[in-house]
N, C-alpha and C. Protein backbone atom coordinates (compact mmCIF):
# COMPACT_ATOMS: atom_id res chain seq x y z
N UNK A 1 -49.78 23.89 -59.50
CA UNK A 1 -49.16 23.59 -60.77
C UNK A 1 -48.62 22.17 -60.79
N UNK A 2 -48.00 21.76 -59.70
CA UNK A 2 -47.46 20.41 -59.63
C UNK A 2 -48.58 19.39 -59.69
N UNK A 3 -49.67 19.66 -58.96
CA UNK A 3 -50.81 18.74 -58.95
C UNK A 3 -51.43 18.65 -60.34
N UNK A 4 -51.52 19.76 -61.02
CA UNK A 4 -52.06 19.76 -62.39
C UNK A 4 -51.18 18.93 -63.31
N UNK A 5 -49.88 19.03 -63.18
CA UNK A 5 -48.96 18.25 -64.02
C UNK A 5 -49.10 16.75 -63.73
N UNK A 6 -49.22 16.39 -62.46
CA UNK A 6 -49.40 14.98 -62.10
C UNK A 6 -50.70 14.45 -62.70
N UNK A 7 -51.75 15.25 -62.61
CA UNK A 7 -53.05 14.85 -63.17
C UNK A 7 -52.95 14.64 -64.67
N UNK A 8 -52.28 15.52 -65.39
CA UNK A 8 -52.11 15.38 -66.84
C UNK A 8 -51.33 14.12 -67.18
N UNK A 9 -50.30 13.84 -66.39
CA UNK A 9 -49.49 12.65 -66.63
C UNK A 9 -50.33 11.38 -66.44
N UNK A 10 -51.12 11.34 -65.37
CA UNK A 10 -51.96 10.17 -65.11
C UNK A 10 -52.99 10.00 -66.23
N UNK A 11 -53.62 11.11 -66.63
CA UNK A 11 -54.63 11.04 -67.70
C UNK A 11 -54.02 10.56 -69.02
N UNK A 12 -52.83 10.99 -69.35
CA UNK A 12 -52.20 10.53 -70.61
C UNK A 12 -51.92 9.04 -70.56
N UNK A 13 -51.50 8.52 -69.41
CA UNK A 13 -51.24 7.08 -69.28
C UNK A 13 -52.55 6.31 -69.40
N UNK A 14 -53.61 6.80 -68.75
CA UNK A 14 -54.90 6.12 -68.78
C UNK A 14 -55.50 6.16 -70.18
N UNK A 15 -55.39 7.28 -70.88
CA UNK A 15 -55.93 7.41 -72.24
C UNK A 15 -55.25 6.45 -73.21
N UNK A 16 -53.98 6.16 -72.97
CA UNK A 16 -53.26 5.22 -73.84
C UNK A 16 -53.60 3.77 -73.49
N UNK A 17 -54.33 3.58 -72.41
CA UNK A 17 -54.72 2.24 -72.01
C UNK A 17 -53.66 1.50 -71.22
N UNK A 18 -52.65 2.19 -70.79
CA UNK A 18 -51.60 1.54 -70.01
C UNK A 18 -52.03 1.44 -68.54
N UNK A 19 -51.64 0.37 -67.86
CA UNK A 19 -52.02 0.22 -66.46
C UNK A 19 -51.14 1.10 -65.55
N UNK A 20 -51.74 1.57 -64.48
CA UNK A 20 -51.00 2.32 -63.47
C UNK A 20 -50.64 1.36 -62.34
N UNK A 21 -49.38 1.32 -61.99
CA UNK A 21 -48.93 0.43 -60.92
C UNK A 21 -49.41 0.93 -59.56
N UNK A 22 -49.62 -0.01 -58.64
CA UNK A 22 -50.10 0.38 -57.30
C UNK A 22 -49.03 1.18 -56.56
N UNK A 23 -47.76 0.88 -56.81
CA UNK A 23 -46.70 1.65 -56.16
C UNK A 23 -46.75 3.10 -56.61
N UNK A 24 -46.92 3.31 -57.91
CA UNK A 24 -47.01 4.67 -58.44
C UNK A 24 -48.22 5.39 -57.87
N UNK A 25 -49.36 4.71 -57.80
CA UNK A 25 -50.57 5.33 -57.26
C UNK A 25 -50.40 5.65 -55.77
N UNK A 26 -49.75 4.77 -55.03
CA UNK A 26 -49.48 5.05 -53.61
C UNK A 26 -48.60 6.28 -53.44
N UNK A 27 -47.56 6.38 -54.27
CA UNK A 27 -46.67 7.53 -54.18
C UNK A 27 -47.39 8.82 -54.54
N UNK A 28 -48.24 8.75 -55.54
CA UNK A 28 -49.00 9.93 -55.94
C UNK A 28 -49.96 10.34 -54.83
N UNK A 29 -50.63 9.37 -54.21
CA UNK A 29 -51.56 9.67 -53.12
C UNK A 29 -50.83 10.32 -51.95
N UNK A 30 -49.66 9.79 -51.62
CA UNK A 30 -48.89 10.37 -50.51
C UNK A 30 -48.44 11.79 -50.85
N UNK A 31 -48.02 11.99 -52.08
CA UNK A 31 -47.59 13.32 -52.50
C UNK A 31 -48.75 14.31 -52.43
N UNK A 32 -49.92 13.90 -52.91
CA UNK A 32 -51.09 14.77 -52.88
C UNK A 32 -51.51 15.09 -51.45
N UNK A 33 -51.44 14.10 -50.58
CA UNK A 33 -51.78 14.33 -49.17
C UNK A 33 -50.80 15.32 -48.55
N UNK A 34 -49.52 15.16 -48.84
CA UNK A 34 -48.50 16.07 -48.31
C UNK A 34 -48.72 17.49 -48.84
N UNK A 35 -49.08 17.60 -50.12
CA UNK A 35 -49.35 18.91 -50.69
C UNK A 35 -50.56 19.58 -50.02
N UNK A 36 -51.60 18.79 -49.76
CA UNK A 36 -52.79 19.33 -49.11
C UNK A 36 -52.47 19.78 -47.69
N UNK A 37 -51.72 18.99 -46.96
CA UNK A 37 -51.34 19.37 -45.60
C UNK A 37 -50.50 20.63 -45.59
N UNK A 38 -49.55 20.69 -46.54
CA UNK A 38 -48.68 21.87 -46.59
C UNK A 38 -49.49 23.12 -46.93
N UNK A 39 -50.42 22.97 -47.83
CA UNK A 39 -51.21 24.13 -48.25
C UNK A 39 -52.18 24.61 -47.17
N UNK A 40 -52.79 23.67 -46.46
CA UNK A 40 -53.85 24.02 -45.52
C UNK A 40 -53.44 23.89 -44.06
N UNK A 41 -52.17 23.80 -43.79
CA UNK A 41 -51.73 23.61 -42.40
C UNK A 41 -52.06 24.81 -41.52
N UNK A 42 -52.29 25.98 -42.09
CA UNK A 42 -52.64 27.15 -41.30
C UNK A 42 -54.12 27.13 -40.93
N UNK A 43 -54.84 26.19 -41.47
CA UNK A 43 -56.23 25.97 -41.10
C UNK A 43 -56.27 25.67 -39.61
N UNK A 44 -57.33 26.08 -38.92
CA UNK A 44 -57.39 25.92 -37.46
C UNK A 44 -57.22 24.47 -37.03
N UNK A 45 -57.67 23.51 -37.83
CA UNK A 45 -57.52 22.11 -37.46
C UNK A 45 -56.04 21.75 -37.34
N UNK A 46 -55.25 22.19 -38.30
CA UNK A 46 -53.83 21.86 -38.28
C UNK A 46 -53.04 22.78 -37.36
N UNK A 47 -53.47 24.04 -37.22
CA UNK A 47 -52.75 24.99 -36.38
C UNK A 47 -52.83 24.60 -34.92
N UNK A 48 -53.95 24.00 -34.50
CA UNK A 48 -54.07 23.63 -33.10
C UNK A 48 -53.27 22.38 -32.77
N UNK A 49 -52.89 21.63 -33.75
CA UNK A 49 -52.12 20.41 -33.52
C UNK A 49 -50.65 20.77 -33.33
N UNK A 50 -50.08 20.45 -32.16
CA UNK A 50 -48.71 20.79 -31.86
C UNK A 50 -47.80 19.58 -31.81
N UNK A 51 -48.28 18.45 -32.17
CA UNK A 51 -47.46 17.25 -32.07
C UNK A 51 -47.81 16.50 -30.81
N UNK A 52 -47.13 15.42 -30.62
CA UNK A 52 -47.41 14.60 -29.45
C UNK A 52 -46.79 15.24 -28.22
N UNK A 53 -47.51 15.21 -27.16
CA UNK A 53 -47.02 15.74 -25.90
C UNK A 53 -47.63 14.95 -24.77
N UNK A 54 -47.29 15.34 -23.58
CA UNK A 54 -47.83 14.67 -22.41
C UNK A 54 -49.25 15.14 -22.15
N UNK A 55 -50.05 14.25 -21.60
CA UNK A 55 -51.40 14.60 -21.19
C UNK A 55 -51.31 15.52 -19.97
N UNK A 56 -52.34 16.32 -19.72
CA UNK A 56 -52.29 17.22 -18.55
C UNK A 56 -52.01 16.49 -17.23
N UNK A 57 -52.61 15.31 -17.03
CA UNK A 57 -52.37 14.58 -15.79
C UNK A 57 -50.92 14.13 -15.70
N UNK A 58 -50.31 13.80 -16.85
CA UNK A 58 -48.91 13.38 -16.86
C UNK A 58 -47.99 14.56 -16.52
N UNK A 59 -48.30 15.73 -17.05
CA UNK A 59 -47.49 16.91 -16.75
C UNK A 59 -47.54 17.25 -15.27
N UNK A 60 -48.75 17.19 -14.70
CA UNK A 60 -48.88 17.45 -13.26
C UNK A 60 -48.11 16.43 -12.44
N UNK A 61 -48.21 15.18 -12.83
CA UNK A 61 -47.51 14.10 -12.11
C UNK A 61 -46.00 14.32 -12.17
N UNK A 62 -45.48 14.67 -13.33
CA UNK A 62 -44.04 14.90 -13.51
C UNK A 62 -43.59 16.08 -12.66
N UNK A 63 -44.32 17.17 -12.70
CA UNK A 63 -43.95 18.35 -11.92
C UNK A 63 -43.96 18.04 -10.42
N UNK A 64 -44.98 17.32 -9.97
CA UNK A 64 -45.08 16.96 -8.56
C UNK A 64 -43.92 16.05 -8.14
N UNK A 65 -43.69 15.01 -8.93
CA UNK A 65 -42.61 14.07 -8.61
C UNK A 65 -41.25 14.77 -8.60
N UNK A 66 -41.03 15.58 -9.60
CA UNK A 66 -39.72 16.24 -9.74
C UNK A 66 -39.46 17.20 -8.59
N UNK A 67 -40.44 17.97 -8.23
CA UNK A 67 -40.25 18.95 -7.15
C UNK A 67 -40.10 18.29 -5.79
N UNK A 68 -40.83 17.21 -5.54
CA UNK A 68 -40.74 16.56 -4.23
C UNK A 68 -39.53 15.65 -4.10
N UNK A 69 -39.01 15.17 -5.21
CA UNK A 69 -37.87 14.25 -5.17
C UNK A 69 -36.59 14.89 -5.70
N UNK A 70 -36.52 16.20 -5.72
CA UNK A 70 -35.39 16.89 -6.33
C UNK A 70 -34.07 16.57 -5.66
N UNK A 71 -34.09 16.33 -4.35
CA UNK A 71 -32.85 16.00 -3.63
C UNK A 71 -32.33 14.61 -4.02
N UNK A 72 -33.23 13.76 -4.45
CA UNK A 72 -32.87 12.41 -4.85
C UNK A 72 -32.49 12.40 -6.32
N UNK A 73 -32.07 11.25 -6.78
CA UNK A 73 -31.74 11.12 -8.20
C UNK A 73 -33.03 10.85 -8.96
N UNK A 74 -33.49 11.83 -9.71
CA UNK A 74 -34.69 11.69 -10.53
C UNK A 74 -34.24 11.18 -11.90
N UNK A 75 -34.81 10.07 -12.34
CA UNK A 75 -34.40 9.49 -13.62
C UNK A 75 -35.53 9.55 -14.64
N UNK A 76 -35.15 9.52 -15.89
CA UNK A 76 -36.14 9.47 -16.96
C UNK A 76 -36.96 8.19 -16.83
N UNK A 77 -36.30 7.12 -16.42
CA UNK A 77 -36.99 5.84 -16.26
C UNK A 77 -38.12 5.95 -15.25
N UNK A 78 -37.86 6.57 -14.09
CA UNK A 78 -38.90 6.69 -13.06
C UNK A 78 -40.02 7.63 -13.51
N UNK A 79 -39.68 8.71 -14.20
CA UNK A 79 -40.69 9.64 -14.68
C UNK A 79 -41.54 8.99 -15.78
N UNK A 80 -40.89 8.26 -16.69
CA UNK A 80 -41.61 7.58 -17.76
C UNK A 80 -42.54 6.52 -17.18
N UNK A 81 -42.07 5.79 -16.19
CA UNK A 81 -42.89 4.75 -15.55
C UNK A 81 -44.12 5.40 -14.90
N UNK A 82 -43.95 6.56 -14.29
CA UNK A 82 -45.07 7.24 -13.65
C UNK A 82 -46.12 7.68 -14.67
N UNK A 83 -45.70 7.87 -15.91
CA UNK A 83 -46.62 8.28 -16.97
C UNK A 83 -47.09 7.11 -17.82
N UNK A 84 -46.62 5.91 -17.47
CA UNK A 84 -46.96 4.70 -18.23
C UNK A 84 -46.52 4.79 -19.68
N UNK A 85 -45.30 5.29 -19.88
CA UNK A 85 -44.73 5.42 -21.22
C UNK A 85 -43.34 4.80 -21.25
N UNK A 86 -42.88 4.45 -22.44
CA UNK A 86 -41.50 4.01 -22.58
C UNK A 86 -40.59 5.22 -22.39
N UNK A 87 -39.34 4.98 -22.08
CA UNK A 87 -38.40 6.08 -21.84
C UNK A 87 -38.24 6.97 -23.07
N UNK A 88 -38.08 6.35 -24.24
CA UNK A 88 -37.85 7.15 -25.45
C UNK A 88 -39.10 7.96 -25.83
N UNK A 89 -40.26 7.33 -25.72
CA UNK A 89 -41.49 8.05 -26.05
C UNK A 89 -41.74 9.17 -25.03
N UNK A 90 -41.47 8.89 -23.76
CA UNK A 90 -41.62 9.91 -22.73
C UNK A 90 -40.72 11.11 -23.02
N UNK A 91 -39.46 10.84 -23.37
CA UNK A 91 -38.52 11.93 -23.65
C UNK A 91 -39.02 12.81 -24.80
N UNK A 92 -39.55 12.19 -25.85
CA UNK A 92 -40.09 12.97 -26.98
C UNK A 92 -41.30 13.79 -26.55
N UNK A 93 -42.21 13.16 -25.82
CA UNK A 93 -43.41 13.86 -25.36
C UNK A 93 -43.05 14.98 -24.39
N UNK A 94 -42.08 14.73 -23.53
CA UNK A 94 -41.65 15.76 -22.57
C UNK A 94 -41.12 16.98 -23.31
N UNK A 95 -40.24 16.76 -24.28
CA UNK A 95 -39.67 17.88 -25.03
C UNK A 95 -40.77 18.65 -25.76
N UNK A 96 -41.75 17.94 -26.30
CA UNK A 96 -42.86 18.59 -26.98
C UNK A 96 -43.69 19.43 -26.01
N UNK A 97 -43.89 18.91 -24.80
CA UNK A 97 -44.72 19.60 -23.81
C UNK A 97 -44.00 20.75 -23.10
N UNK A 98 -42.72 20.55 -22.76
CA UNK A 98 -42.00 21.52 -21.95
C UNK A 98 -41.00 22.36 -22.76
N UNK A 99 -40.73 21.96 -23.99
CA UNK A 99 -39.82 22.74 -24.84
C UNK A 99 -38.35 22.57 -24.51
N UNK A 100 -38.01 21.58 -23.71
CA UNK A 100 -36.62 21.32 -23.35
C UNK A 100 -36.48 19.86 -22.96
N UNK A 101 -35.25 19.43 -22.79
CA UNK A 101 -35.03 18.04 -22.38
C UNK A 101 -35.32 17.87 -20.89
N UNK A 102 -35.54 16.64 -20.48
CA UNK A 102 -35.79 16.35 -19.07
C UNK A 102 -34.60 16.82 -18.24
N UNK A 103 -33.41 16.53 -18.70
CA UNK A 103 -32.19 16.88 -17.97
C UNK A 103 -32.09 18.39 -17.73
N UNK A 104 -32.27 19.17 -18.78
CA UNK A 104 -32.18 20.63 -18.64
C UNK A 104 -33.28 21.18 -17.75
N UNK A 105 -34.47 20.59 -17.84
CA UNK A 105 -35.58 21.04 -17.01
C UNK A 105 -35.29 20.76 -15.53
N UNK A 106 -34.73 19.58 -15.24
CA UNK A 106 -34.39 19.25 -13.86
C UNK A 106 -33.30 20.17 -13.31
N UNK A 107 -32.32 20.49 -14.14
CA UNK A 107 -31.28 21.42 -13.71
C UNK A 107 -31.89 22.77 -13.38
N UNK A 108 -32.82 23.24 -14.21
CA UNK A 108 -33.46 24.53 -13.96
C UNK A 108 -34.25 24.50 -12.65
N UNK A 109 -34.95 23.39 -12.38
CA UNK A 109 -35.67 23.26 -11.10
C UNK A 109 -34.69 23.30 -9.93
N UNK A 110 -33.57 22.62 -10.07
CA UNK A 110 -32.57 22.60 -9.00
C UNK A 110 -31.99 24.00 -8.77
N UNK A 111 -31.77 24.73 -9.83
CA UNK A 111 -31.25 26.10 -9.70
C UNK A 111 -32.29 26.99 -9.01
N UNK A 112 -33.56 26.82 -9.34
CA UNK A 112 -34.61 27.60 -8.68
C UNK A 112 -34.63 27.31 -7.17
N UNK A 113 -34.53 26.03 -6.81
CA UNK A 113 -34.51 25.69 -5.39
C UNK A 113 -33.27 26.28 -4.72
N UNK A 114 -32.13 26.19 -5.40
CA UNK A 114 -30.88 26.73 -4.84
C UNK A 114 -31.00 28.24 -4.62
N UNK A 115 -31.61 28.95 -5.55
CA UNK A 115 -31.77 30.39 -5.39
C UNK A 115 -32.63 30.72 -4.18
N UNK A 116 -33.66 29.92 -3.95
CA UNK A 116 -34.49 30.12 -2.76
C UNK A 116 -33.66 29.90 -1.50
N UNK A 117 -32.90 28.83 -1.47
CA UNK A 117 -32.06 28.53 -0.30
C UNK A 117 -30.99 29.60 -0.10
N UNK A 118 -30.39 30.06 -1.19
CA UNK A 118 -29.35 31.07 -1.09
C UNK A 118 -29.89 32.39 -0.55
N UNK A 119 -31.10 32.74 -0.95
CA UNK A 119 -31.65 34.03 -0.53
C UNK A 119 -32.30 33.98 0.85
N UNK A 120 -32.72 32.79 1.30
CA UNK A 120 -33.47 32.71 2.56
C UNK A 120 -32.69 32.09 3.71
N UNK A 121 -31.53 31.53 3.45
CA UNK A 121 -30.76 30.89 4.52
C UNK A 121 -29.29 31.27 4.43
N UNK A 122 -28.55 30.90 5.45
CA UNK A 122 -27.10 31.07 5.45
C UNK A 122 -26.39 29.73 5.32
N UNK A 123 -27.08 28.76 4.83
CA UNK A 123 -26.49 27.42 4.68
C UNK A 123 -25.25 27.51 3.79
N UNK A 124 -24.23 26.71 4.09
CA UNK A 124 -23.05 26.70 3.24
C UNK A 124 -23.39 26.22 1.82
N UNK A 125 -22.60 26.63 0.85
CA UNK A 125 -22.86 26.28 -0.54
C UNK A 125 -22.92 24.77 -0.75
N UNK A 126 -22.10 24.03 -0.05
CA UNK A 126 -22.10 22.58 -0.22
C UNK A 126 -23.45 22.00 0.22
N UNK A 127 -24.04 22.55 1.27
CA UNK A 127 -25.35 22.08 1.73
C UNK A 127 -26.46 22.53 0.77
N UNK A 128 -26.35 23.75 0.27
CA UNK A 128 -27.32 24.22 -0.72
C UNK A 128 -27.28 23.32 -1.96
N UNK A 129 -26.07 22.97 -2.38
CA UNK A 129 -25.92 22.08 -3.54
C UNK A 129 -26.62 20.76 -3.29
N UNK A 130 -26.36 20.16 -2.13
CA UNK A 130 -26.93 18.87 -1.80
C UNK A 130 -28.45 18.94 -1.68
N UNK A 131 -28.96 19.97 -1.00
CA UNK A 131 -30.41 20.12 -0.84
C UNK A 131 -31.13 20.44 -2.15
N UNK A 132 -30.38 20.92 -3.12
CA UNK A 132 -30.96 21.25 -4.44
C UNK A 132 -30.86 20.08 -5.41
N UNK A 133 -30.21 19.00 -4.97
CA UNK A 133 -30.15 17.80 -5.81
C UNK A 133 -28.89 17.65 -6.63
N UNK A 134 -27.89 18.49 -6.40
CA UNK A 134 -26.62 18.35 -7.12
C UNK A 134 -25.73 17.36 -6.37
N UNK A 135 -24.89 16.66 -7.10
CA UNK A 135 -24.06 15.63 -6.47
C UNK A 135 -22.93 16.23 -5.64
N UNK A 136 -22.47 17.42 -6.02
CA UNK A 136 -21.43 18.08 -5.24
C UNK A 136 -21.44 19.58 -5.52
N UNK A 137 -20.64 20.31 -4.75
CA UNK A 137 -20.62 21.76 -4.87
C UNK A 137 -20.06 22.21 -6.22
N UNK A 138 -19.10 21.48 -6.76
CA UNK A 138 -18.51 21.88 -8.04
C UNK A 138 -19.54 21.80 -9.17
N UNK A 139 -20.30 20.72 -9.21
CA UNK A 139 -21.34 20.58 -10.24
C UNK A 139 -22.40 21.67 -10.07
N UNK A 140 -22.75 21.96 -8.84
CA UNK A 140 -23.71 23.02 -8.55
C UNK A 140 -23.19 24.37 -9.04
N UNK A 141 -21.94 24.70 -8.69
CA UNK A 141 -21.37 25.99 -9.07
C UNK A 141 -21.28 26.12 -10.59
N UNK A 142 -20.87 25.04 -11.28
CA UNK A 142 -20.79 25.08 -12.75
C UNK A 142 -22.15 25.35 -13.36
N UNK A 143 -23.16 24.59 -12.93
CA UNK A 143 -24.50 24.74 -13.50
C UNK A 143 -25.09 26.11 -13.17
N UNK A 144 -24.96 26.52 -11.93
CA UNK A 144 -25.50 27.80 -11.50
C UNK A 144 -24.84 28.95 -12.28
N UNK A 145 -23.52 28.91 -12.39
CA UNK A 145 -22.79 29.98 -13.09
C UNK A 145 -23.14 30.01 -14.57
N UNK A 146 -23.35 28.85 -15.17
CA UNK A 146 -23.70 28.79 -16.59
C UNK A 146 -25.08 29.39 -16.83
N UNK A 147 -26.02 29.11 -15.96
CA UNK A 147 -27.39 29.57 -16.15
C UNK A 147 -27.58 31.02 -15.69
N UNK A 148 -27.06 31.35 -14.53
CA UNK A 148 -27.27 32.69 -13.96
C UNK A 148 -26.18 33.69 -14.34
N UNK A 149 -25.11 33.23 -14.93
CA UNK A 149 -23.98 34.08 -15.35
C UNK A 149 -23.27 34.75 -14.18
N UNK A 150 -23.37 34.16 -12.99
CA UNK A 150 -22.70 34.65 -11.81
C UNK A 150 -22.57 33.47 -10.85
N UNK A 151 -21.54 33.48 -10.02
CA UNK A 151 -21.35 32.38 -9.08
C UNK A 151 -22.44 32.41 -8.01
N UNK A 152 -22.70 31.26 -7.37
CA UNK A 152 -23.72 31.23 -6.31
C UNK A 152 -23.42 32.18 -5.15
N UNK A 153 -22.16 32.28 -4.75
CA UNK A 153 -21.83 33.17 -3.63
C UNK A 153 -22.07 34.64 -3.99
N UNK A 154 -21.73 35.04 -5.22
CA UNK A 154 -22.01 36.42 -5.65
C UNK A 154 -23.50 36.66 -5.76
N UNK A 155 -24.21 35.67 -6.27
CA UNK A 155 -25.67 35.79 -6.39
C UNK A 155 -26.28 36.00 -5.01
N UNK A 156 -25.80 35.22 -4.03
CA UNK A 156 -26.30 35.32 -2.65
C UNK A 156 -26.03 36.71 -2.09
N UNK A 157 -24.82 37.23 -2.27
CA UNK A 157 -24.49 38.55 -1.75
C UNK A 157 -25.37 39.63 -2.37
N UNK A 158 -25.69 39.49 -3.63
CA UNK A 158 -26.49 40.48 -4.33
C UNK A 158 -27.96 40.40 -3.96
N UNK A 159 -28.50 39.19 -3.74
CA UNK A 159 -29.93 38.99 -3.54
C UNK A 159 -30.37 38.80 -2.10
N UNK A 160 -29.46 38.56 -1.20
CA UNK A 160 -29.84 38.30 0.19
C UNK A 160 -29.55 39.51 1.05
N UNK A 161 -30.42 39.74 2.01
CA UNK A 161 -30.18 40.79 3.00
C UNK A 161 -30.24 40.15 4.37
N UNK A 162 -29.78 40.85 5.37
CA UNK A 162 -29.71 40.30 6.72
C UNK A 162 -31.07 39.84 7.22
N UNK A 163 -32.14 40.53 6.89
CA UNK A 163 -33.47 40.18 7.35
C UNK A 163 -34.04 38.92 6.71
N UNK A 164 -33.44 38.48 5.58
CA UNK A 164 -33.94 37.32 4.86
C UNK A 164 -33.59 36.00 5.52
N UNK A 165 -32.78 36.00 6.56
CA UNK A 165 -32.29 34.75 7.13
C UNK A 165 -33.03 34.35 8.40
N UNK A 166 -34.21 34.85 8.61
CA UNK A 166 -34.93 34.56 9.85
C UNK A 166 -35.33 33.10 10.00
N UNK A 167 -35.46 32.36 8.88
CA UNK A 167 -35.87 30.96 8.95
C UNK A 167 -34.70 30.00 9.07
N UNK A 168 -33.50 30.49 9.15
CA UNK A 168 -32.33 29.63 9.15
C UNK A 168 -32.00 29.14 10.55
N UNK A 169 -31.88 27.81 10.69
CA UNK A 169 -31.53 27.22 11.98
C UNK A 169 -30.06 27.38 12.28
N UNK A 170 -29.24 27.50 11.25
CA UNK A 170 -27.79 27.54 11.47
C UNK A 170 -27.28 28.94 11.81
N UNK A 171 -28.17 29.91 11.97
CA UNK A 171 -27.76 31.29 12.27
C UNK A 171 -27.12 31.33 13.68
N UNK A 172 -25.97 31.92 13.75
CA UNK A 172 -25.28 31.98 15.03
C UNK A 172 -25.74 33.19 15.83
N UNK A 173 -25.66 33.08 17.16
CA UNK A 173 -26.11 34.16 18.03
C UNK A 173 -25.03 35.16 18.28
């Protein structure tokens, strides 16, 4: 209906012999394009398009770098450089590809590593925090408790059994 009204308006102006300005024609063209996209976006061509994201090789590179360097300070700058992207463009592509921010994703990776350490070793919480990439035990406990809804020590007591600590060097005799 809107397109039909625009067409009638244009035809009435043309029939009267009045000129159409290029700005008006540009605006009409953009509006018509937007209407077509909105109407046909469920078409397979538009449905498969999810926005800009990282290329598969970039995603693999990020996952590899993040997991191997988790104990160190992983920065958006270093990850963006590894993907040959600017920091801001990388952050947008990352969110599109992973569905979360780089920061939240790194925290989740650190929590996963901490859970492995908590269940398989008897290392003190401060060491688990450090080995998982947290700057201190307090930051580790806050993040862990927020995500898992339980403190790291309670999580360890619930998920670890005596037989799970066979790989721990710090086990006392």
